[in-house]
């Protein structure tokens, strides 16, 4: 899904190529994302390091017009999912990287079931936003 969304955005507006970040709270997820996004020549590298895909913390102090937060956990990794929304720091850092658009890709039911204030508030904001837009 992420690959298709980015591909669509770049077809519509190729100038966005340098204005999209893909971030995740987990260290093992970026490598998988990079493999997928390499298929559409999205990933950018400087001195061998990918500069537009990585963990939330590698993007502190950086901004882009569009940011995708890939939560990357499923029901088999509830502990990791709980850690990602334990406090608001990860979500705040991720959201504040985006200058114009911020997307969250993850298992909404999983995160809503964790009993996390951060996840619950985020789900409420998303549902409110979706209701207003309809």
N, C-alpha and C. Protein backbone atom coordinates (compact mmCIF):
# COMPACT_ATOMS: atom_id res chain seq x y z
N UNK A 1 0.82 -1.19 0.00
CA UNK A 1 0.00 0.00 0.00
C UNK A 1 0.87 1.27 0.00
N UNK A 2 1.88 1.29 0.84
CA UNK A 2 2.77 2.44 0.91
C UNK A 2 3.42 2.72 -0.45
N UNK A 3 3.92 1.66 -1.05
CA UNK A 3 4.57 1.81 -2.37
C UNK A 3 3.60 2.43 -3.37
N UNK A 4 2.37 1.95 -3.39
CA UNK A 4 1.38 2.46 -4.34
C UNK A 4 1.01 3.91 -4.06
N UNK A 5 0.89 4.26 -2.78
CA UNK A 5 0.57 5.65 -2.42
C UNK A 5 1.67 6.61 -2.87
N UNK A 6 2.90 6.23 -2.59
CA UNK A 6 4.02 7.10 -2.97
C UNK A 6 4.16 7.17 -4.48
N UNK A 7 4.02 6.04 -5.13
CA UNK A 7 4.10 6.01 -6.59
C UNK A 7 3.05 6.95 -7.20
N UNK A 8 1.83 6.89 -6.69
CA UNK A 8 0.75 7.76 -7.18
C UNK A 8 1.11 9.23 -6.96
N UNK A 9 1.60 9.56 -5.76
CA UNK A 9 1.96 10.94 -5.49
C UNK A 9 3.05 11.44 -6.42
N UNK A 10 4.03 10.60 -6.69
CA UNK A 10 5.14 11.02 -7.55
C UNK A 10 4.75 11.11 -9.02
N UNK A 11 3.77 10.33 -9.44
CA UNK A 11 3.26 10.46 -10.81
C UNK A 11 2.52 11.78 -10.94
N UNK A 12 1.70 12.09 -9.93
CA UNK A 12 0.93 13.33 -9.95
C UNK A 12 1.82 14.57 -9.81
N UNK A 13 2.82 14.47 -8.92
CA UNK A 13 3.70 15.62 -8.65
C UNK A 13 5.13 15.13 -8.46
N UNK A 14 5.88 14.94 -9.54
CA UNK A 14 7.25 14.45 -9.45
C UNK A 14 8.16 15.31 -8.56
N UNK A 15 7.83 16.59 -8.44
CA UNK A 15 8.65 17.48 -7.62
C UNK A 15 8.61 17.12 -6.13
N UNK A 16 7.70 16.24 -5.73
CA UNK A 16 7.63 15.80 -4.33
C UNK A 16 8.69 14.76 -3.97
N UNK A 17 9.47 14.32 -4.93
CA UNK A 17 10.45 13.26 -4.68
C UNK A 17 11.36 13.55 -3.49
N UNK A 18 11.69 14.81 -3.28
CA UNK A 18 12.56 15.18 -2.16
C UNK A 18 11.78 15.65 -0.93
N UNK A 19 10.47 15.52 -0.98
CA UNK A 19 9.63 16.07 0.09
C UNK A 19 8.77 15.00 0.78
N UNK A 20 9.22 13.75 0.71
CA UNK A 20 8.48 12.66 1.35
C UNK A 20 9.44 11.86 2.23
N UNK A 21 9.07 11.70 3.49
CA UNK A 21 9.80 10.83 4.41
C UNK A 21 8.91 9.66 4.80
N UNK A 22 9.53 8.52 4.98
CA UNK A 22 8.85 7.34 5.53
C UNK A 22 9.59 6.98 6.80
N UNK A 23 8.86 7.03 7.92
CA UNK A 23 9.49 6.79 9.21
C UNK A 23 8.73 5.73 10.00
N UNK A 24 9.42 5.11 10.92
CA UNK A 24 8.85 4.05 11.74
C UNK A 24 9.51 4.08 13.11
N UNK A 25 8.79 3.61 14.14
CA UNK A 25 9.42 3.57 15.46
C UNK A 25 10.42 2.42 15.63
N UNK A 26 10.39 1.44 14.74
CA UNK A 26 11.15 0.21 14.93
C UNK A 26 12.39 0.15 14.03
N UNK A 27 13.50 -0.33 14.58
CA UNK A 27 14.76 -0.39 13.84
C UNK A 27 14.78 -1.44 12.73
N UNK A 28 13.99 -2.50 12.88
CA UNK A 28 14.04 -3.57 11.87
C UNK A 28 13.10 -3.30 10.68
N UNK A 29 12.20 -2.35 10.79
CA UNK A 29 11.23 -2.10 9.72
C UNK A 29 11.80 -1.33 8.53
N UNK A 30 12.67 -0.33 8.72
CA UNK A 30 13.16 0.42 7.56
C UNK A 30 13.80 -0.44 6.47
N UNK A 31 14.53 -1.46 6.85
CA UNK A 31 15.18 -2.30 5.82
C UNK A 31 14.15 -2.96 4.91
N UNK A 32 13.04 -3.40 5.47
CA UNK A 32 11.99 -4.01 4.65
C UNK A 32 11.32 -2.95 3.77
N UNK A 33 11.08 -1.78 4.33
CA UNK A 33 10.46 -0.69 3.56
C UNK A 33 11.38 -0.28 2.41
N UNK A 34 12.67 -0.18 2.69
CA UNK A 34 13.63 0.22 1.65
C UNK A 34 13.59 -0.75 0.48
N UNK A 35 13.55 -2.04 0.76
CA UNK A 35 13.48 -3.04 -0.32
C UNK A 35 12.26 -2.81 -1.20
N UNK A 36 11.13 -2.51 -0.58
CA UNK A 36 9.89 -2.30 -1.32
C UNK A 36 9.94 -0.99 -2.11
N UNK A 37 10.44 0.06 -1.48
CA UNK A 37 10.45 1.36 -2.14
C UNK A 37 11.57 1.50 -3.17
N UNK A 38 12.59 0.66 -3.08
CA UNK A 38 13.60 0.61 -4.14
C UNK A 38 12.98 0.19 -5.47
N UNK A 39 11.91 -0.60 -5.41
CA UNK A 39 11.23 -1.07 -6.63
C UNK A 39 10.69 0.08 -7.46
N UNK A 40 10.37 1.21 -6.82
CA UNK A 40 9.86 2.36 -7.56
C UNK A 40 10.88 3.50 -7.58
N UNK A 41 12.13 3.17 -7.28
CA UNK A 41 13.23 4.14 -7.27
C UNK A 41 12.92 5.35 -6.38
N UNK A 42 12.30 5.09 -5.23
CA UNK A 42 11.96 6.17 -4.30
C UNK A 42 13.11 6.50 -3.34
N UNK A 43 13.78 5.48 -2.85
CA UNK A 43 14.78 5.70 -1.81
C UNK A 43 15.94 6.54 -2.34
N UNK A 44 16.36 7.47 -1.51
CA UNK A 44 17.48 8.34 -1.85
C UNK A 44 18.64 8.02 -0.92
N UNK A 45 19.82 8.10 -1.46
CA UNK A 45 21.01 7.76 -0.67
C UNK A 45 22.07 8.87 -0.78
N UNK A 46 22.75 9.07 0.34
CA UNK A 46 23.92 9.93 0.38
C UNK A 46 25.02 9.14 1.05
N UNK A 47 26.12 8.99 0.37
CA UNK A 47 27.25 8.23 0.88
C UNK A 47 26.82 6.83 1.34
N UNK A 48 25.92 6.22 0.56
CA UNK A 48 25.46 4.86 0.84
C UNK A 48 24.35 4.73 1.85
N UNK A 49 23.99 5.80 2.53
CA UNK A 49 22.93 5.76 3.55
C UNK A 49 21.63 6.29 2.97
N UNK A 50 20.54 5.58 3.25
CA UNK A 50 19.22 6.03 2.81
C UNK A 50 18.83 7.24 3.65
N UNK A 51 18.37 8.29 2.99
CA UNK A 51 18.08 9.54 3.69
C UNK A 51 16.60 9.88 3.83
N UNK A 52 15.73 9.12 3.17
CA UNK A 52 14.30 9.45 3.24
C UNK A 52 13.45 8.33 3.85
N UNK A 53 14.09 7.30 4.38
CA UNK A 53 13.41 6.21 5.07
C UNK A 53 14.23 5.86 6.30
N UNK A 54 13.58 5.76 7.46
CA UNK A 54 14.32 5.39 8.66
C UNK A 54 13.46 5.43 9.91
N UNK A 55 14.12 5.38 11.05
CA UNK A 55 13.39 5.42 12.31
C UNK A 55 13.00 6.86 12.65
N UNK A 56 12.02 6.97 13.51
CA UNK A 56 11.54 8.28 13.94
C UNK A 56 12.70 9.13 14.44
N UNK A 57 13.56 8.54 15.24
CA UNK A 57 14.63 9.31 15.87
C UNK A 57 15.69 9.78 14.88
N UNK A 58 15.86 9.08 13.75
CA UNK A 58 16.83 9.55 12.76
C UNK A 58 16.34 10.80 12.04
N UNK A 59 15.06 11.11 12.18
CA UNK A 59 14.50 12.28 11.50
C UNK A 59 14.25 13.46 12.44
N UNK A 60 14.69 13.36 13.68
CA UNK A 60 14.53 14.49 14.59
C UNK A 60 15.26 15.69 14.01
N UNK A 61 14.58 16.82 14.00
CA UNK A 61 15.17 18.05 13.48
C UNK A 61 15.02 18.22 11.98
N UNK A 62 14.46 17.23 11.28
CA UNK A 62 14.25 17.32 9.84
C UNK A 62 12.76 17.43 9.56
N UNK A 63 12.41 18.02 8.42
CA UNK A 63 11.01 18.14 8.02
C UNK A 63 10.85 17.83 6.55
N UNK A 64 9.64 17.40 6.19
CA UNK A 64 9.28 17.19 4.80
C UNK A 64 7.81 17.56 4.64
N UNK A 65 7.40 17.85 3.42
CA UNK A 65 6.00 18.18 3.19
C UNK A 65 5.09 17.02 3.58
N UNK A 66 5.53 15.80 3.26
CA UNK A 66 4.70 14.61 3.48
C UNK A 66 5.49 13.61 4.32
N UNK A 67 4.85 13.08 5.35
CA UNK A 67 5.48 12.06 6.19
C UNK A 67 4.52 10.90 6.35
N UNK A 68 5.04 9.71 6.11
CA UNK A 68 4.31 8.47 6.38
C UNK A 68 4.92 7.84 7.62
N UNK A 69 4.10 7.59 8.63
CA UNK A 69 4.53 6.85 9.80
C UNK A 69 4.03 5.42 9.63
N UNK A 70 4.96 4.49 9.49
CA UNK A 70 4.62 3.07 9.33
C UNK A 70 4.83 2.39 10.68
N UNK A 71 3.72 1.98 11.30
CA UNK A 71 3.82 1.39 12.64
C UNK A 71 4.41 -0.01 12.60
N UNK A 72 4.11 -0.79 11.59
CA UNK A 72 4.82 -2.04 11.36
C UNK A 72 4.71 -3.10 12.43
N UNK A 73 3.62 -3.17 13.15
CA UNK A 73 3.42 -4.23 14.14
C UNK A 73 2.10 -4.93 13.84
N UNK A 74 2.01 -6.20 14.24
CA UNK A 74 0.76 -6.93 14.09
C UNK A 74 0.42 -7.61 15.41
N UNK A 75 -0.62 -8.42 15.40
CA UNK A 75 -1.07 -9.04 16.65
C UNK A 75 -0.02 -9.95 17.27
N UNK A 76 0.93 -10.44 16.48
CA UNK A 76 2.00 -11.28 17.01
C UNK A 76 3.04 -10.46 17.77
N UNK A 77 3.02 -9.15 17.57
CA UNK A 77 4.01 -8.29 18.21
C UNK A 77 3.33 -7.19 19.02
N UNK A 78 2.37 -7.59 19.86
CA UNK A 78 1.64 -6.62 20.69
C UNK A 78 2.57 -5.86 21.63
N UNK A 79 3.61 -6.53 22.13
CA UNK A 79 4.55 -5.87 23.03
C UNK A 79 5.26 -4.72 22.34
N UNK A 80 5.68 -4.94 21.11
CA UNK A 80 6.34 -3.89 20.34
C UNK A 80 5.37 -2.76 20.04
N UNK A 81 4.14 -3.13 19.69
CA UNK A 81 3.12 -2.11 19.41
C UNK A 81 2.87 -1.27 20.66
N UNK A 82 2.78 -1.91 21.80
CA UNK A 82 2.56 -1.18 23.06
C UNK A 82 3.72 -0.23 23.35
N UNK A 83 4.94 -0.68 23.11
CA UNK A 83 6.10 0.17 23.32
C UNK A 83 6.03 1.43 22.44
N UNK A 84 5.60 1.25 21.18
CA UNK A 84 5.58 2.36 20.23
C UNK A 84 4.62 3.47 20.66
N UNK A 85 3.60 3.11 21.44
CA UNK A 85 2.62 4.11 21.87
C UNK A 85 2.58 4.26 23.39
N UNK A 86 3.66 3.87 24.03
CA UNK A 86 3.76 3.94 25.49
C UNK A 86 3.65 5.39 25.98
N UNK A 87 4.41 6.28 25.35
CA UNK A 87 4.25 7.69 25.66
C UNK A 87 4.14 8.46 24.35
N UNK A 88 3.82 9.70 24.44
CA UNK A 88 3.53 10.47 23.24
C UNK A 88 4.75 10.90 22.44
N UNK A 89 5.96 10.67 22.94
CA UNK A 89 7.16 11.16 22.29
C UNK A 89 7.29 10.69 20.84
N UNK A 90 7.13 9.41 20.59
CA UNK A 90 7.31 8.88 19.23
C UNK A 90 6.29 9.49 18.28
N UNK A 91 5.02 9.54 18.71
CA UNK A 91 3.98 10.10 17.85
C UNK A 91 4.21 11.59 17.63
N UNK A 92 4.60 12.31 18.67
CA UNK A 92 4.87 13.75 18.53
C UNK A 92 6.02 14.03 17.57
N UNK A 93 7.11 13.29 17.73
CA UNK A 93 8.26 13.49 16.84
C UNK A 93 7.86 13.17 15.40
N UNK A 94 7.14 12.07 15.21
CA UNK A 94 6.72 11.68 13.86
C UNK A 94 5.82 12.74 13.23
N UNK A 95 4.81 13.17 13.97
CA UNK A 95 3.85 14.12 13.42
C UNK A 95 4.47 15.48 13.13
N UNK A 96 5.39 15.90 13.96
CA UNK A 96 5.99 17.22 13.76
C UNK A 96 7.05 17.25 12.66
N UNK A 97 7.37 16.13 12.06
CA UNK A 97 8.26 16.10 10.90
C UNK A 97 7.51 16.57 9.66
N UNK A 98 6.17 16.44 9.67
CA UNK A 98 5.36 16.74 8.49
C UNK A 98 4.97 18.21 8.46
N UNK A 99 5.28 18.87 7.34
CA UNK A 99 4.91 20.27 7.18
C UNK A 99 3.48 20.40 6.65
N UNK A 100 3.04 19.45 5.84
CA UNK A 100 1.71 19.58 5.22
C UNK A 100 0.82 18.35 5.40
N UNK A 101 1.37 17.17 5.16
CA UNK A 101 0.54 15.95 5.22
C UNK A 101 1.22 14.91 6.10
N UNK A 102 0.40 14.23 6.92
CA UNK A 102 0.90 13.19 7.82
C UNK A 102 -0.03 11.99 7.72
N UNK A 103 0.54 10.84 7.41
CA UNK A 103 -0.23 9.61 7.27
C UNK A 103 0.30 8.56 8.24
N UNK A 104 -0.62 7.79 8.79
CA UNK A 104 -0.24 6.69 9.68
C UNK A 104 -0.70 5.40 9.02
N UNK A 105 0.23 4.47 8.86
CA UNK A 105 -0.09 3.16 8.31
C UNK A 105 0.14 2.13 9.41
N UNK A 106 -0.91 1.44 9.78
CA UNK A 106 -0.81 0.46 10.85
C UNK A 106 -2.14 -0.24 11.06
N UNK A 107 -2.14 -1.19 11.94
CA UNK A 107 -3.32 -1.96 12.27
C UNK A 107 -4.14 -1.19 13.31
N UNK A 108 -5.14 -0.47 12.85
CA UNK A 108 -5.94 0.39 13.72
C UNK A 108 -6.58 -0.40 14.86
N UNK A 109 -7.09 -1.58 14.56
CA UNK A 109 -7.72 -2.39 15.60
C UNK A 109 -6.71 -2.81 16.66
N UNK A 110 -5.53 -3.19 16.24
CA UNK A 110 -4.48 -3.57 17.19
C UNK A 110 -4.16 -2.42 18.12
N UNK A 111 -3.87 -1.27 17.56
CA UNK A 111 -3.46 -0.13 18.39
C UNK A 111 -4.61 0.36 19.26
N UNK A 112 -5.84 0.29 18.77
CA UNK A 112 -6.99 0.69 19.57
C UNK A 112 -7.23 -0.26 20.74
N UNK A 113 -6.76 -1.49 20.62
CA UNK A 113 -6.99 -2.50 21.66
C UNK A 113 -5.93 -2.49 22.77
N UNK A 114 -4.92 -1.66 22.66
CA UNK A 114 -3.79 -1.70 23.59
C UNK A 114 -4.03 -0.97 24.91
N UNK A 115 -5.07 -0.16 24.96
CA UNK A 115 -5.31 0.60 26.18
C UNK A 115 -4.33 1.73 26.38
N UNK A 116 -3.75 2.20 25.30
CA UNK A 116 -2.78 3.29 25.33
C UNK A 116 -3.48 4.62 25.11
N UNK A 117 -3.21 5.58 25.99
CA UNK A 117 -3.80 6.91 25.83
C UNK A 117 -3.38 7.52 24.49
N UNK A 118 -2.11 7.35 24.13
CA UNK A 118 -1.60 7.91 22.87
C UNK A 118 -2.35 7.30 21.68
N UNK A 119 -2.47 5.98 21.65
CA UNK A 119 -3.16 5.32 20.55
C UNK A 119 -4.64 5.70 20.54
N UNK A 120 -5.27 5.71 21.71
CA UNK A 120 -6.70 6.04 21.78
C UNK A 120 -6.97 7.46 21.28
N UNK A 121 -6.14 8.41 21.70
CA UNK A 121 -6.32 9.80 21.26
C UNK A 121 -6.06 9.94 19.76
N UNK A 122 -5.07 9.23 19.26
CA UNK A 122 -4.76 9.28 17.83
C UNK A 122 -5.92 8.72 17.02
N UNK A 123 -6.47 7.60 17.44
CA UNK A 123 -7.62 7.00 16.75
C UNK A 123 -8.81 7.96 16.78
N UNK A 124 -9.05 8.60 17.90
CA UNK A 124 -10.16 9.56 18.00
C UNK A 124 -9.96 10.72 17.03
N UNK A 125 -8.75 11.24 16.96
CA UNK A 125 -8.47 12.36 16.05
C UNK A 125 -8.70 11.93 14.60
N UNK A 126 -8.23 10.74 14.25
CA UNK A 126 -8.41 10.24 12.88
C UNK A 126 -9.89 10.06 12.57
N UNK A 127 -10.63 9.46 13.50
CA UNK A 127 -12.07 9.26 13.26
C UNK A 127 -12.81 10.57 13.15
N UNK A 128 -12.46 11.55 13.97
CA UNK A 128 -13.08 12.87 13.89
C UNK A 128 -12.78 13.52 12.56
N UNK A 129 -11.52 13.44 12.14
CA UNK A 129 -11.11 14.02 10.87
C UNK A 129 -11.86 13.36 9.71
N UNK A 130 -11.96 12.04 9.73
CA UNK A 130 -12.66 11.33 8.66
C UNK A 130 -14.13 11.67 8.63
N UNK A 131 -14.75 11.88 9.79
CA UNK A 131 -16.16 12.25 9.86
C UNK A 131 -16.38 13.65 9.30
N UNK A 132 -15.51 14.58 9.64
CA UNK A 132 -15.64 15.95 9.17
C UNK A 132 -15.45 16.01 7.66
N UNK A 133 -14.54 15.24 7.12
CA UNK A 133 -14.26 15.26 5.67
C UNK A 133 -15.38 14.68 4.85
N UNK A 134 -16.15 13.74 5.43
CA UNK A 134 -17.23 13.11 4.66
C UNK A 134 -18.33 14.09 4.49
